[in-house]
Every structure is written in C-alpha cells, then in structure tokens.
PDB file of N, CA and C in Angstrom:
ATOM      1  N   MET A   1      66.183-131.405  56.269  1.00  0.00           N
ATOM      2  CA  MET A   1      65.508-132.267  55.305  1.00  0.00           C
ATOM      3  C   MET A   1      66.412-132.556  54.107  1.00  0.00           C
ATOM      4  N   VAL A   2      67.149-131.555  53.689  1.00  0.00           N
ATOM      5  CA  VAL A   2      68.029-131.741  52.540  1.00  0.00           C
ATOM      6  C   VAL A   2      69.095-132.785  52.868  1.00  0.00           C
ATOM      7  N   ASP A   3      69.664-132.721  54.065  1.00  0.00           N
ATOM      8  CA  ASP A   3      70.653-133.719  54.467  1.00  0.00           C
ATOM      9  C   ASP A   3      70.064-135.127  54.433  1.00  0.00           C
ATOM     10  N   ALA A   4      68.836-135.258  54.881  1.00  0.00           N
ATOM     11  CA  ALA A   4      68.189-136.572  54.918  1.00  0.00           C
ATOM     12  C   ALA A   4      67.984-137.149  53.527  1.00  0.00           C
ATOM     13  N   VAL A   5      67.812-136.293  52.549  1.00  0.00           N
ATOM     14  CA  VAL A   5      67.639-136.753  51.165  1.00  0.00           C
ATOM     15  C   VAL A   5      68.981-137.081  50.529  1.00  0.00           C
ATOM     16  N   TYR A   6      69.963-136.227  50.744  1.00  0.00           N
ATOM     17  CA  TYR A   6      71.231-136.384  50.043  1.00  0.00           C
ATOM     18  C   TYR A   6      72.190-137.383  50.686  1.00  0.00           C
ATOM     19  N   ALA A   7      72.118-137.607  51.965  1.00  0.00           N
ATOM     20  CA  ALA A   7      73.028-138.561  52.607  1.00  0.00           C
ATOM     21  C   ALA A   7      72.964-139.940  51.946  1.00  0.00           C
ATOM     22  N   PRO A   8      71.772-140.497  51.709  1.00  0.00           N
ATOM     23  CA  PRO A   8      71.729-141.794  51.027  1.00  0.00           C
ATOM     24  C   PRO A   8      72.246-141.726  49.583  1.00  0.00           C
ATOM     25  N   LEU A   9      71.965-140.639  48.903  1.00  0.00           N
ATOM     26  CA  LEU A   9      72.456-140.506  47.520  1.00  0.00           C
ATOM     27  C   LEU A   9      73.972-140.480  47.490  1.00  0.00           C
ATOM     28  N   PHE A  10      74.577-139.732  48.396  1.00  0.00           N
ATOM     29  CA  PHE A  10      76.035-139.697  48.472  1.00  0.00           C
ATOM     30  C   PHE A  10      76.590-141.077  48.803  1.00  0.00           C
ATOM     31  N   ARG A  11      75.894-141.825  49.657  1.00  0.00           N
ATOM     32  CA  ARG A  11      76.340-143.174  50.020  1.00  0.00           C
ATOM     33  C   ARG A  11      76.334-144.085  48.793  1.00  0.00           C
ATOM     34  N   TYR A  12      75.352-143.915  47.917  1.00  0.00           N
ATOM     35  CA  TYR A  12      75.301-144.731  46.702  1.00  0.00           C
ATOM     36  C   TYR A  12      76.579-144.596  45.893  1.00  0.00           C
ATOM     37  N   PHE A  13      77.061-143.375  45.748  1.00  0.00           N
ATOM     38  CA  PHE A  13      78.277-143.158  44.973  1.00  0.00           C
ATOM     39  C   PHE A  13      79.453-143.931  45.566  1.00  0.00           C
ATOM     40  N   GLU A  14      79.593-143.897  46.857  1.00  0.00           N
ATOM     41  CA  GLU A  14      80.684-144.628  47.509  1.00  0.00           C
ATOM     42  C   GLU A  14      80.482-146.133  47.410  1.00  0.00           C
ATOM     43  N   SER A  15      79.240-146.582  47.445  1.00  0.00           N
ATOM     44  CA  SER A  15      78.954-148.011  47.378  1.00  0.00           C
ATOM     45  C   SER A  15      79.191-148.571  45.983  1.00  0.00           C
ATOM     46  N   ILE A  16      78.960-147.760  44.979  1.00  0.00           N
ATOM     47  CA  ILE A  16      79.127-148.223  43.602  1.00  0.00           C
ATOM     48  C   ILE A  16      80.601-148.253  43.236  1.00  0.00           C
ATOM     49  N   ASP A  17      81.242-147.097  43.313  1.00  0.00           N
ATOM     50  CA  ASP A  17      82.656-147.004  42.956  1.00  0.00           C
ATOM     51  C   ASP A  17      83.170-145.650  43.422  1.00  0.00           C
ATOM     52  N   ALA A  18      84.073-145.672  44.380  1.00  0.00           N
ATOM     53  CA  ALA A  18      84.584-144.416  44.941  1.00  0.00           C
ATOM     54  C   ALA A  18      85.284-143.565  43.884  1.00  0.00           C
ATOM     55  N   THR A  19      85.874-144.191  42.868  1.00  0.00           N
ATOM     56  CA  THR A  19      86.553-143.401  41.832  1.00  0.00           C
ATOM     57  C   THR A  19      85.543-142.626  40.994  1.00  0.00           C
ATOM     58  N   VAL A  20      84.361-143.180  40.814  1.00  0.00           N
ATOM     59  CA  VAL A  20      83.302-142.458  40.102  1.00  0.00           C
ATOM     60  C   VAL A  20      82.908-141.233  40.909  1.00  0.00           C
ATOM     61  N   ALA A  21      82.737-141.411  42.204  1.00  0.00           N
ATOM     62  CA  ALA A  21      82.373-140.292  43.072  1.00  0.00           C
ATOM     63  C   ALA A  21      83.439-139.212  43.008  1.00  0.00           C
ATOM     64  N   HIS A  22      84.696-139.626  43.022  1.00  0.00           N
ATOM     65  CA  HIS A  22      85.785-138.652  42.961  1.00  0.00           C
ATOM     66  C   HIS A  22      85.712-137.841  41.668  1.00  0.00           C
ATOM     67  N   GLN A  23      85.467-138.489  40.560  1.00  0.00           N
ATOM     68  CA  GLN A  23      85.377-137.787  39.272  1.00  0.00           C
ATOM     69  C   GLN A  23      84.201-136.816  39.248  1.00  0.00           C
ATOM     70  N   ILE A  24      83.104-137.196  39.827  1.00  0.00           N
ATOM     71  CA  ILE A  24      81.911-136.353  39.811  1.00  0.00           C
ATOM     72  C   ILE A  24      82.094-135.141  40.715  1.00  0.00           C
ATOM     73  N   PHE A  25      82.651-135.356  41.895  1.00  0.00           N
ATOM     74  CA  PHE A  25      82.722-134.286  42.882  1.00  0.00           C
ATOM     75  C   PHE A  25      84.048-133.539  42.886  1.00  0.00           C
ATOM     76  N   ASP A  26      84.996-133.978  42.070  1.00  0.00           N
ATOM     77  CA  ASP A  26      86.265-133.275  41.959  1.00  0.00           C
ATOM     78  C   ASP A  26      86.001-131.852  41.460  1.00  0.00           C
ATOM     79  N   GLY A  27      86.594-130.879  42.101  1.00  0.00           N
ATOM     80  CA  GLY A  27      86.357-129.496  41.707  1.00  0.00           C
ATOM     81  C   GLY A  27      85.151-128.875  42.376  1.00  0.00           C
ATOM     82  N   LEU A  28      84.502-129.627  43.252  1.00  0.00           N
ATOM     83  CA  LEU A  28      83.346-129.117  43.999  1.00  0.00           C
ATOM     84  C   LEU A  28      83.663-129.219  45.497  1.00  0.00           C
ATOM     85  N   PRO A  29      84.561-128.387  45.992  1.00  0.00           N
ATOM     86  CA  PRO A  29      85.026-128.543  47.375  1.00  0.00           C
ATOM     87  C   PRO A  29      83.934-128.383  48.422  1.00  0.00           C
ATOM     88  N   ARG A  30      82.981-127.516  48.199  1.00  0.00           N
ATOM     89  CA  ARG A  30      81.926-127.347  49.203  1.00  0.00           C
ATOM     90  C   ARG A  30      81.004-128.560  49.249  1.00  0.00           C
ATOM     91  N   ILE A  31      80.698-129.115  48.085  1.00  0.00           N
ATOM     92  CA  ILE A  31      79.876-130.331  48.047  1.00  0.00           C
ATOM     93  C   ILE A  31      80.645-131.488  48.680  1.00  0.00           C
ATOM     94  N   SER A  32      81.931-131.591  48.366  1.00  0.00           N
ATOM     95  CA  SER A  32      82.753-132.658  48.944  1.00  0.00           C
ATOM     96  C   SER A  32      82.826-132.536  50.459  1.00  0.00           C
ATOM     97  N   ALA A  33      82.974-131.324  50.959  1.00  0.00           N
ATOM     98  CA  ALA A  33      83.006-131.110  52.410  1.00  0.00           C
ATOM     99  C   ALA A  33      81.665-131.490  53.034  1.00  0.00           C
ATOM    100  N   TRP A  34      80.585-131.162  52.357  1.00  0.00           N
ATOM    101  CA  TRP A  34      79.240-131.521  52.840  1.00  0.00           C
ATOM    102  C   TRP A  34      79.096-133.033  52.900  1.00  0.00           C
ATOM    103  N   ARG A  35      79.528-133.711  51.824  1.00  0.00           N
ATOM    104  CA  ARG A  35      79.469-135.177  51.791  1.00  0.00           C
ATOM    105  C   ARG A  35      80.229-135.772  52.962  1.00  0.00           C
ATOM    106  N   GLU A  36      81.441-135.275  53.195  1.00  0.00           N
ATOM    107  CA  GLU A  36      82.270-135.798  54.278  1.00  0.00           C
ATOM    108  C   GLU A  36      81.624-135.531  55.639  1.00  0.00           C
ATOM    109  N   ALA A  37      81.047-134.349  55.811  1.00  0.00           N
ATOM    110  CA  ALA A  37      80.386-134.023  57.075  1.00  0.00           C
ATOM    111  C   ALA A  37      79.187-134.939  57.323  1.00  0.00           C
ATOM    112  N   LEU A  38      78.419-135.189  56.277  1.00  0.00           N
ATOM    113  CA  LEU A  38      77.278-136.098  56.425  1.00  0.00           C
ATOM    114  C   LEU A  38      77.752-137.506  56.759  1.00  0.00           C
ATOM    115  N   GLU A  39      78.777-137.965  56.053  1.00  0.00           N
ATOM    116  CA  GLU A  39      79.295-139.313  56.263  1.00  0.00           C
ATOM    117  C   GLU A  39      79.817-139.499  57.690  1.00  0.00           C
ATOM    118  N   ALA A  40      80.313-138.427  58.295  1.00  0.00           N
ATOM    119  CA  ALA A  40      80.868-138.504  59.641  1.00  0.00           C
ATOM    120  C   ALA A  40      79.789-138.564  60.728  1.00  0.00           C
ATOM    121  N   ARG A  41      78.579-138.210  60.379  1.00  0.00           N
ATOM    122  CA  ARG A  41      77.497-138.205  61.376  1.00  0.00           C
ATOM    123  C   ARG A  41      77.123-139.627  61.774  1.00  0.00           C
ATOM    124  N   SER A  42      77.011-139.848  63.065  1.00  0.00           N
ATOM    125  CA  SER A  42      76.654-141.192  63.529  1.00  0.00           C
ATOM    126  C   SER A  42      75.273-141.604  63.026  1.00  0.00           C
ATOM    127  N   SER A  43      74.356-140.659  62.904  1.00  0.00           N
ATOM    128  CA  SER A  43      73.016-140.993  62.418  1.00  0.00           C
ATOM    129  C   SER A  43      73.053-141.503  60.978  1.00  0.00           C
ATOM    130  N   VAL A  44      73.972-140.997  60.191  1.00  0.00           N
ATOM    131  CA  VAL A  44      74.110-141.442  58.801  1.00  0.00           C
ATOM    132  C   VAL A  44      74.830-142.789  58.767  1.00  0.00           C
ATOM    133  N   ARG A  45      75.911-142.907  59.516  1.00  0.00           N
ATOM    134  CA  ARG A  45      76.662-144.173  59.545  1.00  0.00           C
ATOM    135  C   ARG A  45      75.800-145.313  60.073  1.00  0.00           C
ATOM    136  N   ASP A  46      75.010-145.033  61.108  1.00  0.00           N
ATOM    137  CA  ASP A  46      74.215-146.079  61.754  1.00  0.00           C
ATOM    138  C   ASP A  46      72.903-146.377  61.033  1.00  0.00           C
ATOM    139  N   ALA A  47      72.630-145.670  59.954  1.00  0.00           N
ATOM    140  CA  ALA A  47      71.362-145.852  59.235  1.00  0.00           C
ATOM    141  C   ALA A  47      71.349-147.116  58.377  1.00  0.00           C
ATOM    142  N   VAL A  48      72.515-147.703  58.171  1.00  0.00           N
ATOM    143  CA  VAL A  48      72.596-148.905  57.338  1.00  0.00           C
ATOM    144  C   VAL A  48      73.374-149.994  58.064  1.00  0.00           C
ATOM    145  N   VAL A  49      73.173-151.223  57.630  1.00  0.00           N
ATOM    146  CA  VAL A  49      73.901-152.346  58.212  1.00  0.00           C
ATOM    147  C   VAL A  49      75.341-152.338  57.712  1.00  0.00           C
ATOM    148  N   GLU A  50      76.180-153.067  58.409  1.00  0.00           N
ATOM    149  CA  GLU A  50      77.614-153.071  58.111  1.00  0.00           C
ATOM    150  C   GLU A  50      77.923-153.512  56.676  1.00  0.00           C
ATOM    151  N   ASP A  51      77.170-154.471  56.165  1.00  0.00           N
ATOM    152  CA  ASP A  51      77.445-154.971  54.813  1.00  0.00           C
ATOM    153  C   ASP A  51      76.557-154.315  53.752  1.00  0.00           C
ATOM    154  N   TYR A  52      76.133-153.094  54.025  1.00  0.00           N
ATOM    155  CA  TYR A  52      75.245-152.370  53.104  1.00  0.00           C
ATOM    156  C   TYR A  52      75.811-152.311  51.680  1.00  0.00           C
ATOM    157  N   ALA A  53      77.071-151.954  51.537  1.00  0.00           N
ATOM    158  CA  ALA A  53      77.659-151.800  50.198  1.00  0.00           C
ATOM    159  C   ALA A  53      77.568-153.109  49.412  1.00  0.00           C
ATOM    160  N   ASP A  54      77.851-154.224  50.064  1.00  0.00           N
ATOM    161  CA  ASP A  54      77.748-155.524  49.389  1.00  0.00           C
ATOM    162  C   ASP A  54      76.313-155.824  48.995  1.00  0.00           C
ATOM    163  N   ARG A  55      75.385-155.551  49.879  1.00  0.00           N
ATOM    164  CA  ARG A  55      73.972-155.789  49.574  1.00  0.00           C
ATOM    165  C   ARG A  55      73.504-154.906  48.417  1.00  0.00           C
ATOM    166  N   PHE A  56      73.952-153.662  48.422  1.00  0.00           N
ATOM    167  CA  PHE A  56      73.564-152.735  47.365  1.00  0.00           C
ATOM    168  C   PHE A  56      74.121-153.206  46.025  1.00  0.00           C
ATOM    169  N   GLN A  57      75.376-153.636  46.000  1.00  0.00           N
ATOM    170  CA  GLN A  57      75.980-154.160  44.766  1.00  0.00           C
ATOM    171  C   GLN A  57      75.212-155.392  44.278  1.00  0.00           C
ATOM    172  N   THR A  58      74.862-156.275  45.186  1.00  0.00           N
ATOM    173  CA  THR A  58      74.093-157.469  44.819  1.00  0.00           C
ATOM    174  C   THR A  58      72.756-157.069  44.209  1.00  0.00           C
ATOM    175  N   HIS A  59      72.091-156.120  44.829  1.00  0.00           N
ATOM    176  CA  HIS A  59      70.805-155.638  44.304  1.00  0.00           C
ATOM    177  C   HIS A  59      70.983-155.081  42.888  1.00  0.00           C
ATOM    178  N   LEU A  60      72.003-154.279  42.682  1.00  0.00           N
ATOM    179  CA  LEU A  60      72.230-153.701  41.348  1.00  0.00           C
ATOM    180  C   LEU A  60      72.480-154.799  40.301  1.00  0.00           C
ATOM    181  N   ARG A  61      73.273-155.800  40.675  1.00  0.00           N
ATOM    182  CA  ARG A  61      73.534-156.903  39.729  1.00  0.00           C
ATOM    183  C   ARG A  61      72.248-157.658  39.422  1.00  0.00           C
ATOM    184  N   GLN A  62      71.433-157.916  40.437  1.00  0.00           N
ATOM    185  CA  GLN A  62      70.177-158.643  40.239  1.00  0.00           C
ATOM    186  C   GLN A  62      69.226-157.858  39.322  1.00  0.00           C
ATOM    187  N   GLN A  63      69.309-156.564  39.381  1.00  0.00           N
ATOM    188  CA  GLN A  63      68.445-155.711  38.550  1.00  0.00           C
ATOM    189  C   GLN A  63      69.033-155.464  37.165  1.00  0.00           C
ATOM    190  N   GLY A  64      70.238-155.971  36.943  1.00  0.00           N
ATOM    191  CA  GLY A  64      70.886-155.793  35.650  1.00  0.00           C
ATOM    192  C   GLY A  64      71.376-154.366  35.402  1.00  0.00           C
ATOM    193  N   ALA A  65      71.672-153.662  36.483  1.00  0.00           N
ATOM    194  CA  ALA A  65      72.136-152.280  36.347  1.00  0.00           C
ATOM    195  C   ALA A  65      73.508-152.237  35.694  1.00  0.00           C
ATOM    196  N   LEU A  66      73.647-151.379  34.714  1.00  0.00           N
ATOM    197  CA  LEU A  66      74.920-151.251  34.005  1.00  0.00           C
ATOM    198  C   LEU A  66      76.046-150.815  34.919  1.00  0.00           C
ATOM    199  N   ILE A  67      75.764-149.975  35.877  1.00  0.00           N
ATOM    200  CA  ILE A  67      76.792-149.491  36.796  1.00  0.00           C
ATOM    201  C   ILE A  67      77.361-150.621  37.642  1.00  0.00           C
ATOM    202  N   ALA A  68      76.621-151.692  37.845  1.00  0.00           N
ATOM    203  CA  ALA A  68      77.096-152.832  38.630  1.00  0.00           C
ATOM    204  C   ALA A  68      78.197-153.587  37.896  1.00  0.00           C
ATOM    205  N   ALA A  69      78.254-153.425  36.600  1.00  0.00           N
ATOM    206  CA  ALA A  69      79.291-154.125  35.815  1.00  0.00           C
ATOM    207  C   ALA A  69      80.610-153.387  35.856  1.00  0.00           C
ATOM    208  N   ALA A  70      80.609-152.149  36.343  1.00  0.00           N
ATOM    209  CA  ALA A  70      81.841-151.345  36.367  1.00  0.00           C
ATOM    210  C   ALA A  70      82.824-151.860  37.373  1.00  0.00           C
TER     211      ALA A  70
END
C-alpha cells in the first residue's frame, strides 16, 4: 500500500524538475533506491500515458502553480 501511495508522488518530482528531486533526495540513499526500484516496476511505468509529464506540466500551469514557472 505504501508503494502505491508514494510511486505517484515520486513521479511528480521527476515530472516537475529532476534537479529539484535530486536536491530533496540527495543524502537519502535508501529513499533514492526505493524511488528507483518503484520507477523500474512495469506496473508503475504503465500506470500513466507516455506524455504524462507534459500533461502534468500543462495542468500545473493552468492552475497557476508556482512550481510550474520553475
């Protein structure tokens, strides 16, 4: 259940800005390994469409999210 909750959250970080994710998770090797393991799972990869990151960015811009301006 925990994986099912965190996999999408981890994906958000990569979709927004991978450098932000690196800064947040730098120094947390076990969390980083967990993120990578989740990302490698076909169930996680196949849970979204190919252009998910673009759609997510568009949604953030439409909502006026500050992180979308980064």
